PDB file of N, CA and C in Angstrom:
ATOM      1  N   UNK A   1     -17.418  37.139 -29.591  1.00  0.00           N
ATOM      2  CA  UNK A   1     -18.006  38.276 -29.891  1.00  0.00           C
ATOM      3  C   UNK A   1     -19.520  37.807 -29.966  1.00  0.00           C
ATOM      4  N   UNK A   2     -20.386  38.645 -29.117  1.00  0.00           N
ATOM      5  CA  UNK A   2     -21.867  38.289 -28.969  1.00  0.00           C
ATOM      6  C   UNK A   2     -22.514  38.763 -30.307  1.00  0.00           C
ATOM      7  N   UNK A   3     -23.458  38.088 -30.610  1.00  0.00           N
ATOM      8  CA  UNK A   3     -24.310  38.435 -31.568  1.00  0.00           C
ATOM      9  C   UNK A   3     -25.232  39.545 -31.127  1.00  0.00           C
ATOM     10  N   UNK A   4     -25.902  40.203 -32.087  1.00  0.00           N
ATOM     11  CA  UNK A   4     -26.853  41.376 -31.688  1.00  0.00           C
ATOM     12  C   UNK A   4     -27.923  40.736 -30.841  1.00  0.00           C
ATOM     13  N   UNK A   5     -28.645  39.589 -31.067  1.00  0.00           N
ATOM     14  CA  UNK A   5     -29.637  39.035 -30.159  1.00  0.00           C
ATOM     15  C   UNK A   5     -29.106  38.918 -28.773  1.00  0.00           C
ATOM     16  N   UNK A   6     -27.974  38.317 -28.704  1.00  0.00           N
ATOM     17  CA  UNK A   6     -27.452  37.986 -27.361  1.00  0.00           C
ATOM     18  C   UNK A   6     -26.978  39.342 -26.596  1.00  0.00           C
ATOM     19  N   UNK A   7     -26.469  40.323 -27.335  1.00  0.00           N
ATOM     20  CA  UNK A   7     -26.438  41.639 -26.704  1.00  0.00           C
ATOM     21  C   UNK A   7     -27.629  42.096 -26.190  1.00  0.00           C
ATOM     22  N   UNK A   8     -28.712  42.096 -27.191  1.00  0.00           N
ATOM     23  CA  UNK A   8     -29.948  42.609 -26.632  1.00  0.00           C
ATOM     24  C   UNK A   8     -30.514  41.813 -25.289  1.00  0.00           C
ATOM     25  N   UNK A   9     -30.234  40.558 -25.397  1.00  0.00           N
ATOM     26  CA  UNK A   9     -30.751  39.681 -24.354  1.00  0.00           C
ATOM     27  C   UNK A   9     -30.304  40.097 -22.837  1.00  0.00           C
ATOM     28  N   UNK A  10     -28.898  40.333 -23.052  1.00  0.00           N
ATOM     29  CA  UNK A  10     -28.326  40.677 -21.790  1.00  0.00           C
ATOM     30  C   UNK A  10     -28.776  42.257 -21.287  1.00  0.00           C
ATOM     31  N   UNK A  11     -28.897  43.033 -22.238  1.00  0.00           N
ATOM     32  CA  UNK A  11     -29.473  44.337 -21.842  1.00  0.00           C
ATOM     33  C   UNK A  11     -30.973  44.267 -21.476  1.00  0.00           C
ATOM     34  N   UNK A  12     -31.595  43.324 -21.997  1.00  0.00           N
ATOM     35  CA  UNK A  12     -33.097  43.012 -21.663  1.00  0.00           C
ATOM     36  C   UNK A  12     -33.173  42.557 -20.055  1.00  0.00           C
ATOM     37  N   UNK A  13     -32.207  41.686 -19.728  1.00  0.00           N
ATOM     38  CA  UNK A  13     -32.008  41.233 -18.311  1.00  0.00           C
ATOM     39  C   UNK A  13     -31.669  42.387 -17.385  1.00  0.00           C
ATOM     40  N   UNK A  14     -30.708  43.019 -17.867  1.00  0.00           N
ATOM     41  CA  UNK A  14     -30.209  44.185 -16.928  1.00  0.00           C
ATOM     42  C   UNK A  14     -31.285  45.131 -16.855  1.00  0.00           C
ATOM     43  N   UNK A  15     -32.184  45.599 -17.764  1.00  0.00           N
ATOM     44  CA  UNK A  15     -33.316  46.356 -17.784  1.00  0.00           C
ATOM     45  C   UNK A  15     -34.483  45.790 -17.197  1.00  0.00           C
ATOM     46  N   UNK A  16     -34.488  44.597 -16.639  1.00  0.00           N
ATOM     47  CA  UNK A  16     -35.641  43.862 -16.285  1.00  0.00           C
ATOM     48  C   UNK A  16     -36.721  44.098 -17.312  1.00  0.00           C
ATOM     49  N   UNK A  17     -36.486  43.828 -18.585  1.00  0.00           N
ATOM     50  CA  UNK A  17     -37.392  43.860 -19.651  1.00  0.00           C
ATOM     51  C   UNK A  17     -37.954  42.593 -19.744  1.00  0.00           C
ATOM     52  N   UNK A  18     -38.937  42.004 -19.232  1.00  0.00           N
ATOM     53  CA  UNK A  18     -39.388  40.742 -19.256  1.00  0.00           C
ATOM     54  C   UNK A  18     -39.920  40.457 -20.713  1.00  0.00           C
ATOM     55  N   UNK A  19     -40.774  41.360 -21.255  1.00  0.00           N
ATOM     56  CA  UNK A  19     -41.283  41.124 -22.722  1.00  0.00           C
ATOM     57  C   UNK A  19     -40.080  40.866 -23.695  1.00  0.00           C
ATOM     58  N   UNK A  20     -39.073  41.739 -23.499  1.00  0.00           N
ATOM     59  CA  UNK A  20     -38.025  41.526 -24.400  1.00  0.00           C
ATOM     60  C   UNK A  20     -37.423  40.199 -24.290  1.00  0.00           C
ATOM     61  N   UNK A  21     -37.137  39.761 -23.111  1.00  0.00           N
ATOM     62  CA  UNK A  21     -36.567  38.300 -22.703  1.00  0.00           C
ATOM     63  C   UNK A  21     -37.460  37.324 -23.199  1.00  0.00           C
ATOM     64  N   UNK A  22     -38.680  37.514 -23.126  1.00  0.00           N
ATOM     65  CA  UNK A  22     -39.638  36.410 -23.688  1.00  0.00           C
ATOM     66  C   UNK A  22     -39.605  36.425 -25.142  1.00  0.00           C
ATOM     67  N   UNK A  23     -39.387  37.589 -25.825  1.00  0.00           N
ATOM     68  CA  UNK A  23     -39.481  37.621 -27.200  1.00  0.00           C
ATOM     69  C   UNK A  23     -38.158  36.973 -27.715  1.00  0.00           C
ATOM     70  N   UNK A  24     -37.090  37.386 -27.104  1.00  0.00           N
ATOM     71  CA  UNK A  24     -35.875  36.625 -27.573  1.00  0.00           C
ATOM     72  C   UNK A  24     -35.676  35.329 -27.614  1.00  0.00           C
ATOM     73  N   UNK A  25     -36.257  34.753 -26.496  1.00  0.00           N
ATOM     74  CA  UNK A  25     -36.167  33.263 -26.045  1.00  0.00           C
ATOM     75  C   UNK A  25     -37.220  32.683 -27.085  1.00  0.00           C
ATOM     76  N   UNK A  26     -38.275  33.084 -27.156  1.00  0.00           N
ATOM     77  CA  UNK A  26     -39.231  32.649 -28.142  1.00  0.00           C
ATOM     78  C   UNK A  26     -38.787  32.537 -29.575  1.00  0.00           C
ATOM     79  N   UNK A  27     -37.859  33.521 -30.067  1.00  0.00           N
ATOM     80  CA  UNK A  27     -37.218  33.597 -31.316  1.00  0.00           C
ATOM     81  C   UNK A  27     -36.142  32.315 -31.438  1.00  0.00           C
ATOM     82  N   UNK A  28     -36.006  31.761 -30.318  1.00  0.00           N
ATOM     83  CA  UNK A  28     -34.865  30.604 -30.391  1.00  0.00           C
ATOM     84  C   UNK A  28     -33.496  31.019 -29.822  1.00  0.00           C
ATOM     85  N   UNK A  29     -33.376  32.146 -29.112  1.00  0.00           N
ATOM     86  CA  UNK A  29     -32.104  32.353 -28.634  1.00  0.00           C
ATOM     87  C   UNK A  29     -31.696  31.353 -27.446  1.00  0.00           C
ATOM     88  N   UNK A  30     -30.493  30.865 -27.674  1.00  0.00           N
ATOM     89  CA  UNK A  30     -29.842  29.979 -26.712  1.00  0.00           C
ATOM     90  C   UNK A  30     -29.549  30.846 -25.502  1.00  0.00           C
ATOM     91  N   UNK A  31     -30.009  30.730 -24.233  1.00  0.00           N
ATOM     92  CA  UNK A  31     -29.338  31.662 -23.295  1.00  0.00           C
ATOM     93  C   UNK A  31     -27.960  31.117 -22.549  1.00  0.00           C
ATOM     94  N   UNK A  32     -27.496  30.056 -23.147  1.00  0.00           N
ATOM     95  CA  UNK A  32     -26.207  29.506 -22.712  1.00  0.00           C
ATOM     96  C   UNK A  32     -25.008  30.025 -23.298  1.00  0.00           C
ATOM     97  N   UNK A  33     -24.684  31.321 -23.243  1.00  0.00           N
ATOM     98  CA  UNK A  33     -23.455  31.826 -23.792  1.00  0.00           C
ATOM     99  C   UNK A  33     -22.827  32.817 -22.595  1.00  0.00           C
ATOM    100  N   UNK A  34     -21.694  33.113 -22.980  1.00  0.00           N
ATOM    101  CA  UNK A  34     -20.917  33.891 -21.953  1.00  0.00           C
ATOM    102  C   UNK A  34     -20.209  35.083 -22.664  1.00  0.00           C
ATOM    103  N   UNK A  35     -20.609  36.160 -21.911  1.00  0.00           N
ATOM    104  CA  UNK A  35     -19.964  37.544 -22.454  1.00  0.00           C
ATOM    105  C   UNK A  35     -18.728  37.587 -21.633  1.00  0.00           C
ATOM    106  N   UNK A  36     -17.563  38.036 -22.485  1.00  0.00           N
ATOM    107  CA  UNK A  36     -16.416  38.147 -21.782  1.00  0.00           C
ATOM    108  C   UNK A  36     -16.250  39.051 -20.544  1.00  0.00           C
ATOM    109  N   UNK A  37     -17.164  40.129 -20.592  1.00  0.00           N
ATOM    110  CA  UNK A  37     -17.001  41.083 -19.490  1.00  0.00           C
ATOM    111  C   UNK A  37     -17.973  40.814 -18.457  1.00  0.00           C
ATOM    112  N   UNK A  38     -19.222  40.381 -18.907  1.00  0.00           N
ATOM    113  CA  UNK A  38     -20.452  40.155 -17.698  1.00  0.00           C
ATOM    114  C   UNK A  38     -20.558  38.725 -17.362  1.00  0.00           C
ATOM    115  N   UNK A  39     -19.982  37.836 -18.169  1.00  0.00           N
ATOM    116  CA  UNK A  39     -20.031  36.347 -17.687  1.00  0.00           C
ATOM    117  C   UNK A  39     -21.302  35.824 -18.515  1.00  0.00           C
ATOM    118  N   UNK A  40     -21.950  34.749 -18.050  1.00  0.00           N
ATOM    119  CA  UNK A  40     -22.874  34.064 -18.425  1.00  0.00           C
ATOM    120  C   UNK A  40     -24.289  34.941 -18.317  1.00  0.00           C
ATOM    121  N   UNK A  41     -25.259  34.659 -19.153  1.00  0.00           N
ATOM    122  CA  UNK A  41     -26.651  35.322 -18.922  1.00  0.00           C
ATOM    123  C   UNK A  41     -27.304  35.180 -17.506  1.00  0.00           C
ATOM    124  N   UNK A  42     -26.906  33.854 -16.976  1.00  0.00           N
ATOM    125  CA  UNK A  42     -27.532  33.504 -15.865  1.00  0.00           C
ATOM    126  C   UNK A  42     -26.775  34.493 -14.732  1.00  0.00           C
ATOM    127  N   UNK A  43     -25.567  34.791 -14.936  1.00  0.00           N
ATOM    128  CA  UNK A  43     -24.871  35.552 -13.898  1.00  0.00           C
ATOM    129  C   UNK A  43     -25.328  36.994 -14.050  1.00  0.00           C
ATOM    130  N   UNK A  44     -25.686  37.431 -15.117  1.00  0.00           N
ATOM    131  CA  UNK A  44     -26.162  38.728 -15.457  1.00  0.00           C
ATOM    132  C   UNK A  44     -27.593  38.977 -14.588  1.00  0.00           C
ATOM    133  N   UNK A  45     -28.379  37.802 -14.808  1.00  0.00           N
ATOM    134  CA  UNK A  45     -29.537  37.681 -14.053  1.00  0.00           C
ATOM    135  C   UNK A  45     -29.488  37.843 -12.538  1.00  0.00           C
ATOM    136  N   UNK A  46     -28.372  37.041 -11.834  1.00  0.00           N
ATOM    137  CA  UNK A  46     -28.329  36.796 -10.674  1.00  0.00           C
ATOM    138  C   UNK A  46     -27.505  38.320 -10.117  1.00  0.00           C
ATOM    139  N   UNK A  47     -26.861  38.948 -10.884  1.00  0.00           N
ATOM    140  CA  UNK A  47     -26.294  40.222 -10.445  1.00  0.00           C
ATOM    141  C   UNK A  47     -27.559  41.176 -10.168  1.00  0.00           C
ATOM    142  N   UNK A  48     -28.391  41.229 -11.118  1.00  0.00           N
ATOM    143  CA  UNK A  48     -29.704  41.955 -10.958  1.00  0.00           C
ATOM    144  C   UNK A  48     -30.427  41.521  -9.622  1.00  0.00           C
ATOM    145  N   UNK A  49     -30.459  40.292  -9.294  1.00  0.00           N
ATOM    146  CA  UNK A  49     -31.063  39.902  -8.038  1.00  0.00           C
ATOM    147  C   UNK A  49     -30.480  40.439  -6.785  1.00  0.00           C
ATOM    148  N   UNK A  50     -29.182  40.426  -6.963  1.00  0.00           N
ATOM    149  CA  UNK A  50     -28.408  40.829  -5.781  1.00  0.00           C
ATOM    150  C   UNK A  50     -28.665  42.452  -5.838  1.00  0.00           C
ATOM    151  N   UNK A  51     -28.795  43.157  -6.752  1.00  0.00           N
ATOM    152  CA  UNK A  51     -29.082  44.523  -6.687  1.00  0.00           C
ATOM    153  C   UNK A  51     -30.493  44.704  -5.946  1.00  0.00           C
ATOM    154  N   UNK A  52     -31.274  43.680  -6.075  1.00  0.00           N
ATOM    155  CA  UNK A  52     -32.591  43.957  -5.564  1.00  0.00           C
ATOM    156  C   UNK A  52     -32.453  43.756  -3.989  1.00  0.00           C
ATOM    157  N   UNK A  53     -31.495  42.972  -3.697  1.00  0.00           N
ATOM    158  CA  UNK A  53     -31.296  42.646  -2.143  1.00  0.00           C
ATOM    159  C   UNK A  53     -30.482  43.853  -1.608  1.00  0.00           C
ATOM    160  N   UNK A  54     -29.782  44.438  -2.394  1.00  0.00           N
ATOM    161  CA  UNK A  54     -29.103  45.661  -1.800  1.00  0.00           C
ATOM    162  C   UNK A  54     -30.049  46.941  -1.524  1.00  0.00           C
ATOM    163  N   UNK A  55     -31.024  46.930  -2.580  1.00  0.00           N
ATOM    164  CA  UNK A  55     -32.139  48.012  -2.281  1.00  0.00           C
ATOM    165  C   UNK A  55     -32.800  47.693  -1.005  1.00  0.00           C
ATOM    166  N   UNK A  56     -33.090  46.397  -0.722  1.00  0.00           N
ATOM    167  CA  UNK A  56     -33.968  45.987   0.498  1.00  0.00           C
ATOM    168  C   UNK A  56     -33.108  46.401   1.763  1.00  0.00           C
ATOM    169  N   UNK A  57     -31.809  46.046   1.586  1.00  0.00           N
ATOM    170  CA  UNK A  57     -30.862  46.253   2.900  1.00  0.00           C
ATOM    171  C   UNK A  57     -30.748  47.744   3.151  1.00  0.00           C
ATOM    172  N   UNK A  58     -30.495  48.675   1.944  1.00  0.00           N
ATOM    173  CA  UNK A  58     -30.390  49.940   1.988  1.00  0.00           C
ATOM    174  C   UNK A  58     -31.644  50.760   2.781  1.00  0.00           C
ATOM    175  N   UNK A  59     -32.777  50.087   2.360  1.00  0.00           N
ATOM    176  CA  UNK A  59     -34.050  50.831   2.958  1.00  0.00           C
ATOM    177  C   UNK A  59     -34.058  50.431   4.346  1.00  0.00           C
ATOM    178  N   UNK A  60     -33.725  49.244   4.906  1.00  0.00           N
ATOM    179  CA  UNK A  60     -33.683  48.725   6.128  1.00  0.00           C
ATOM    180  C   UNK A  60     -32.717  49.757   6.942  1.00  0.00           C
ATOM    181  N   UNK A  61     -31.527  49.822   6.404  1.00  0.00           N
ATOM    182  CA  UNK A  61     -30.449  50.519   7.084  1.00  0.00           C
ATOM    183  C   UNK A  61     -30.945  52.158   7.429  1.00  0.00           C
ATOM    184  N   UNK A  62     -31.674  52.367   6.429  1.00  0.00           N
ATOM    185  CA  UNK A  62     -32.102  53.970   6.258  1.00  0.00           C
ATOM    186  C   UNK A  62     -33.244  54.061   7.252  1.00  0.00           C
ATOM    187  N   UNK A  63     -33.853  53.039   7.895  1.00  0.00           N
ATOM    188  CA  UNK A  63     -34.828  53.055   8.917  1.00  0.00           C
ATOM    189  C   UNK A  63     -36.252  53.095   8.315  1.00  0.00           C
ATOM    190  N   UNK A  64     -36.059  52.717   7.062  1.00  0.00           N
ATOM    191  CA  UNK A  64     -37.456  52.683   6.245  1.00  0.00           C
ATOM    192  C   UNK A  64     -37.509  51.477   5.487  1.00  0.00           C
ATOM    193  N   UNK A  65     -37.667  50.257   6.153  1.00  0.00           N
ATOM    194  CA  UNK A  65     -37.707  49.002   5.489  1.00  0.00           C
ATOM    195  C   UNK A  65     -38.909  48.876   4.560  1.00  0.00           C
ATOM    196  N   UNK A  66     -38.601  48.132   3.555  1.00  0.00           N
ATOM    197  CA  UNK A  66     -39.927  47.803   2.590  1.00  0.00           C
ATOM    198  C   UNK A  66     -40.866  46.740   3.403  1.00  0.00           C
ATOM    199  N   UNK A  67     -41.938  47.021   3.111  1.00  0.00           N
ATOM    200  CA  UNK A  67     -42.916  45.991   3.531  1.00  0.00           C
ATOM    201  C   UNK A  67     -42.762  44.657   2.700  1.00  0.00           C
ATOM    202  N   UNK A  68     -43.227  43.643   3.150  1.00  0.00           N
ATOM    203  CA  UNK A  68     -43.284  42.369   2.476  1.00  0.00           C
ATOM    204  C   UNK A  68     -43.810  42.435   1.104  1.00  0.00           C
ATOM    205  N   UNK A  69     -44.849  43.287   1.073  1.00  0.00           N
ATOM    206  CA  UNK A  69     -45.505  43.592  -0.460  1.00  0.00           C
ATOM    207  C   UNK A  69     -44.676  44.374  -1.270  1.00  0.00           C
ATOM    208  N   UNK A  70     -43.987  45.344  -0.632  1.00  0.00           N
ATOM    209  CA  UNK A  70     -43.224  46.023  -1.581  1.00  0.00           C
ATOM    210  C   UNK A  70     -41.870  45.089  -2.036  1.00  0.00           C
ATOM    211  N   UNK A  71     -41.243  44.371  -0.971  1.00  0.00           N
ATOM    212  CA  UNK A  71     -40.184  43.559  -1.502  1.00  0.00           C
ATOM    213  C   UNK A  71     -40.730  42.679  -2.666  1.00  0.00           C
ATOM    214  N   UNK A  72     -41.843  42.149  -2.414  1.00  0.00           N
ATOM    215  CA  UNK A  72     -42.363  40.990  -3.480  1.00  0.00           C
ATOM    216  C   UNK A  72     -42.615  41.680  -4.679  1.00  0.00           C
ATOM    217  N   UNK A  73     -43.140  42.897  -4.860  1.00  0.00           N
ATOM    218  CA  UNK A  73     -43.677  43.650  -5.984  1.00  0.00           C
ATOM    219  C   UNK A  73     -42.275  43.874  -6.794  1.00  0.00           C
ATOM    220  N   UNK A  74     -41.145  44.205  -6.079  1.00  0.00           N
ATOM    221  CA  UNK A  74     -39.868  44.483  -6.739  1.00  0.00           C
ATOM    222  C   UNK A  74     -39.040  43.280  -7.164  1.00  0.00           C
ATOM    223  N   UNK A  75     -39.361  42.132  -6.378  1.00  0.00           N
ATOM    224  CA  UNK A  75     -38.775  40.833  -6.817  1.00  0.00           C
ATOM    225  C   UNK A  75     -39.277  40.085  -7.936  1.00  0.00           C
ATOM    226  N   UNK A  76     -40.664  40.428  -8.151  1.00  0.00           N
ATOM    227  CA  UNK A  76     -41.418  39.655  -9.151  1.00  0.00           C
ATOM    228  C   UNK A  76     -40.903  39.609 -10.361  1.00  0.00           C
ATOM    229  N   UNK A  77     -40.348  40.511 -11.008  1.00  0.00           N
ATOM    230  CA  UNK A  77     -39.868  40.746 -12.445  1.00  0.00           C
ATOM    231  C   UNK A  77     -38.423  39.593 -12.444  1.00  0.00           C
ATOM    232  N   UNK A  78     -37.787  39.665 -11.383  1.00  0.00           N
ATOM    233  CA  UNK A  78     -36.585  38.934 -11.327  1.00  0.00           C
ATOM    234  C   UNK A  78     -36.981  37.414 -11.302  1.00  0.00           C
ATOM    235  N   UNK A  79     -38.011  37.132 -10.458  1.00  0.00           N
ATOM    236  CA  UNK A  79     -38.628  35.611 -10.504  1.00  0.00           C
ATOM    237  C   UNK A  79     -39.056  35.411 -12.034  1.00  0.00           C
ATOM    238  N   UNK A  80     -39.862  36.280 -12.636  1.00  0.00           N
ATOM    239  CA  UNK A  80     -40.456  35.980 -13.876  1.00  0.00           C
ATOM    240  C   UNK A  80     -39.165  35.781 -14.777  1.00  0.00           C
ATOM    241  N   UNK A  81     -38.169  36.705 -14.752  1.00  0.00           N
ATOM    242  CA  UNK A  81     -37.018  36.176 -15.660  1.00  0.00           C
ATOM    243  C   UNK A  81     -36.403  34.862 -15.423  1.00  0.00           C
ATOM    244  N   UNK A  82     -36.321  34.639 -14.188  1.00  0.00           N
ATOM    245  CA  UNK A  82     -35.682  33.413 -13.912  1.00  0.00           C
ATOM    246  C   UNK A  82     -36.474  32.325 -14.540  1.00  0.00           C
ATOM    247  N   UNK A  83     -37.714  32.288 -14.469  1.00  0.00           N
ATOM    248  CA  UNK A  83     -38.659  31.410 -14.922  1.00  0.00           C
ATOM    249  C   UNK A  83     -38.627  30.987 -16.271  1.00  0.00           C
ATOM    250  N   UNK A  84     -38.366  32.257 -16.992  1.00  0.00           N
ATOM    251  CA  UNK A  84     -38.221  32.136 -18.455  1.00  0.00           C
ATOM    252  C   UNK A  84     -36.867  31.387 -18.747  1.00  0.00           C
ATOM    253  N   UNK A  85     -35.910  31.812 -17.975  1.00  0.00           N
ATOM    254  CA  UNK A  85     -34.449  31.217 -18.189  1.00  0.00           C
ATOM    255  C   UNK A  85     -34.466  29.743 -17.956  1.00  0.00           C
ATOM    256  N   UNK A  86     -35.165  29.329 -16.900  1.00  0.00           N
ATOM    257  CA  UNK A  86     -35.462  27.968 -16.708  1.00  0.00           C
ATOM    258  C   UNK A  86     -36.090  27.175 -17.661  1.00  0.00           C
ATOM    259  N   UNK A  87     -37.112  27.880 -18.280  1.00  0.00           N
ATOM    260  CA  UNK A  87     -38.084  27.214 -19.458  1.00  0.00           C
ATOM    261  C   UNK A  87     -37.091  27.172 -20.574  1.00  0.00           C
ATOM    262  N   UNK A  88     -36.020  27.865 -20.673  1.00  0.00           N
ATOM    263  CA  UNK A  88     -35.230  28.047 -22.115  1.00  0.00           C
ATOM    264  C   UNK A  88     -34.128  26.917 -21.828  1.00  0.00           C
ATOM    265  N   UNK A  89     -34.053  26.261 -20.623  1.00  0.00           N
ATOM    266  CA  UNK A  89     -32.982  25.418 -20.356  1.00  0.00           C
ATOM    267  C   UNK A  89     -31.602  26.200 -20.194  1.00  0.00           C
ATOM    268  N   UNK A  90     -31.742  27.224 -19.547  1.00  0.00           N
ATOM    269  CA  UNK A  90     -30.437  27.951 -19.133  1.00  0.00           C
ATOM    270  C   UNK A  90     -29.770  27.130 -18.199  1.00  0.00           C
ATOM    271  N   UNK A  91     -28.421  26.919 -18.337  1.00  0.00           N
ATOM    272  CA  UNK A  91     -27.352  26.494 -17.428  1.00  0.00           C
ATOM    273  C   UNK A  91     -27.099  27.270 -16.337  1.00  0.00           C
ATOM    274  N   UNK A  92     -27.599  26.902 -15.066  1.00  0.00           N
ATOM    275  CA  UNK A  92     -27.228  27.693 -14.055  1.00  0.00           C
ATOM    276  C   UNK A  92     -25.901  27.208 -13.338  1.00  0.00           C
ATOM    277  N   UNK A  93     -25.332  26.506 -13.933  1.00  0.00           N
ATOM    278  CA  UNK A  93     -23.969  25.795 -13.617  1.00  0.00           C
ATOM    279  C   UNK A  93     -22.815  26.474 -14.155  1.00  0.00           C
ATOM    280  N   UNK A  94     -23.268  27.486 -15.306  1.00  0.00           N
ATOM    281  CA  UNK A  94     -22.203  28.379 -15.846  1.00  0.00           C
ATOM    282  C   UNK A  94     -21.820  29.315 -15.035  1.00  0.00           C
ATOM    283  N   UNK A  95     -20.362  29.592 -15.027  1.00  0.00           N
ATOM    284  CA  UNK A  95     -19.785  30.733 -14.340  1.00  0.00           C
ATOM    285  C   UNK A  95     -18.790  31.136 -15.003  1.00  0.00           C
ATOM    286  N   UNK A  96     -18.546  32.528 -15.114  1.00  0.00           N
ATOM    287  CA  UNK A  96     -17.399  33.296 -15.714  1.00  0.00           C
ATOM    288  C   UNK A  96     -16.098  32.785 -15.053  1.00  0.00           C
ATOM    289  N   UNK A  97     -14.969  32.992 -15.816  1.00  0.00           N
ATOM    290  CA  UNK A  97     -13.738  32.642 -15.324  1.00  0.00           C
ATOM    291  C   UNK A  97     -13.168  33.249 -13.987  1.00  0.00           C
ATOM    292  N   UNK A  98     -13.671  34.633 -13.565  1.00  0.00           N
ATOM    293  CA  UNK A  98     -13.352  35.130 -12.411  1.00  0.00           C
ATOM    294  C   UNK A  98     -14.285  34.773 -11.292  1.00  0.00           C
ATOM    295  N   UNK A  99     -15.324  34.402 -11.695  1.00  0.00           N
ATOM    296  CA  UNK A  99     -16.499  34.071 -10.478  1.00  0.00           C
ATOM    297  C   UNK A  99     -16.180  32.980  -9.652  1.00  0.00           C
ATOM    298  N   UNK A 100     -16.102  33.160  -8.528  1.00  0.00           N
ATOM    299  CA  UNK A 100     -15.847  32.003  -7.481  1.00  0.00           C
ATOM    300  C   UNK A 100     -17.215  31.410  -7.128  1.00  0.00           C
ATOM    301  N   UNK A 101     -18.269  32.158  -7.253  1.00  0.00           N
ATOM    302  CA  UNK A 101     -19.614  31.721  -6.948  1.00  0.00           C
ATOM    303  C   UNK A 101     -20.501  31.738  -8.026  1.00  0.00           C
ATOM    304  N   UNK A 102     -21.564  31.080  -8.203  1.00  0.00           N
ATOM    305  CA  UNK A 102     -22.581  30.876  -9.256  1.00  0.00           C
ATOM    306  C   UNK A 102     -23.754  31.797  -8.855  1.00  0.00           C
ATOM    307  N   UNK A 103     -24.877  31.615  -9.726  1.00  0.00           N
ATOM    308  CA  UNK A 103     -26.024  32.321  -9.529  1.00  0.00           C
ATOM    309  C   UNK A 103     -26.816  31.830  -8.480  1.00  0.00           C
ATOM    310  N   UNK A 104     -26.739  30.599  -8.055  1.00  0.00           N
ATOM    311  CA  UNK A 104     -27.459  30.055  -6.874  1.00  0.00           C
ATOM    312  C   UNK A 104     -26.656  30.484  -5.680  1.00  0.00           C
ATOM    313  N   UNK A 105     -25.725  30.850  -5.738  1.00  0.00           N
ATOM    314  CA  UNK A 105     -24.824  31.443  -4.349  1.00  0.00           C
ATOM    315  C   UNK A 105     -25.300  32.907  -4.570  1.00  0.00           C
ATOM    316  N   UNK A 106     -25.545  33.450  -5.473  1.00  0.00           N
ATOM    317  CA  UNK A 106     -25.948  34.922  -5.477  1.00  0.00           C
ATOM    318  C   UNK A 106     -27.428  35.056  -4.999  1.00  0.00           C
ATOM    319  N   UNK A 107     -28.178  34.190  -5.208  1.00  0.00           N
ATOM    320  CA  UNK A 107     -29.536  34.141  -4.999  1.00  0.00           C
ATOM    321  C   UNK A 107     -29.579  33.792  -3.391  1.00  0.00           C
ATOM    322  N   UNK A 108     -28.949  32.895  -2.977  1.00  0.00           N
ATOM    323  CA  UNK A 108     -28.817  32.450  -1.372  1.00  0.00           C
ATOM    324  C   UNK A 108     -28.356  33.662  -0.810  1.00  0.00           C
ATOM    325  N   UNK A 109     -27.239  34.315  -1.085  1.00  0.00           N
ATOM    326  CA  UNK A 109     -26.672  35.479  -0.459  1.00  0.00           C
ATOM    327  C   UNK A 109     -27.619  36.595  -0.534  1.00  0.00           C
ATOM    328  N   UNK A 110     -28.586  36.716  -1.461  1.00  0.00           N
ATOM    329  CA  UNK A 110     -29.604  37.828  -1.460  1.00  0.00           C
ATOM    330  C   UNK A 110     -30.843  37.419  -0.660  1.00  0.00           C
ATOM    331  N   UNK A 111     -30.791  36.291   0.143  1.00  0.00           N
ATOM    332  CA  UNK A 111     -31.672  35.848   0.915  1.00  0.00           C
ATOM    333  C   UNK A 111     -33.220  35.588   0.212  1.00  0.00           C
ATOM    334  N   UNK A 112     -32.725  35.234  -1.151  1.00  0.00           N
ATOM    335  CA  UNK A 112     -34.146  35.074  -1.989  1.00  0.00           C
ATOM    336  C   UNK A 112     -34.490  33.639  -2.014  1.00  0.00           C
ATOM    337  N   UNK A 113     -35.186  33.321  -1.184  1.00  0.00           N
ATOM    338  CA  UNK A 113     -35.743  31.868  -1.099  1.00  0.00           C
ATOM    339  C   UNK A 113     -36.358  31.284  -2.330  1.00  0.00           C
ATOM    340  N   UNK A 114     -37.448  32.260  -2.929  1.00  0.00           N
ATOM    341  CA  UNK A 114     -38.123  31.629  -4.061  1.00  0.00           C
ATOM    342  C   UNK A 114     -37.143  31.333  -5.201  1.00  0.00           C
ATOM    343  N   UNK A 115     -36.210  32.223  -5.382  1.00  0.00           N
ATOM    344  CA  UNK A 115     -35.023  31.975  -6.424  1.00  0.00           C
ATOM    345  C   UNK A 115     -34.312  30.719  -6.225  1.00  0.00           C
ATOM    346  N   UNK A 116     -33.953  30.779  -4.814  1.00  0.00           N
ATOM    347  CA  UNK A 116     -33.072  29.309  -4.464  1.00  0.00           C
ATOM    348  C   UNK A 116     -33.749  28.091  -4.791  1.00  0.00           C
ATOM    349  N   UNK A 117     -35.066  28.170  -4.496  1.00  0.00           N
ATOM    350  CA  UNK A 117     -35.941  26.954  -4.680  1.00  0.00           C
ATOM    351  C   UNK A 117     -36.047  26.634  -5.990  1.00  0.00           C
ATOM    352  N   UNK A 118     -36.244  27.585  -6.885  1.00  0.00           N
ATOM    353  CA  UNK A 118     -36.181  27.438  -8.421  1.00  0.00           C
ATOM    354  C   UNK A 118     -35.020  27.140  -8.962  1.00  0.00           C
ATOM    355  N   UNK A 119     -33.845  27.629  -8.623  1.00  0.00           N
ATOM    356  CA  UNK A 119     -32.549  27.284  -9.188  1.00  0.00           C
ATOM    357  C   UNK A 119     -32.192  25.611  -8.771  1.00  0.00           C
TER     358      UNK A 119
END
C-alpha cells in the first residue's frame, strides 16, 4: 500500500504538476517505489510522455501538425519532471510485472530524443 506522499507523487506526475513533484522530492520522497496498478513512478512518467506523443500524432493525422515550437512547449514539462526524477536517483530500470518494456522504450517509441538521451 502506498503512503499518502507516494500517492500524491504519482498524481503530481500524471497531472504534470512540476512544483508538486519538486516539493515531494525535496521533502525526501524516494521515487523508487512501485504502485501495484500503475507500476513504478518512472513508468507513470513515461506513460505521460507517450500521451504527449499521441497528441503529436493525432494532430498530424488530422492534417494540423504541431509546429516544432508547439511540440517543444508541450514536451518541456515532461523533460522537467524527468530531470527531477534523475536528480532524485530514480531507477529507470524498474518495470512493473506486466510491463515488457521500460521507460526508455516508451521514450524511444515516443520519438523523444531528448528524453532518450537523458535516460
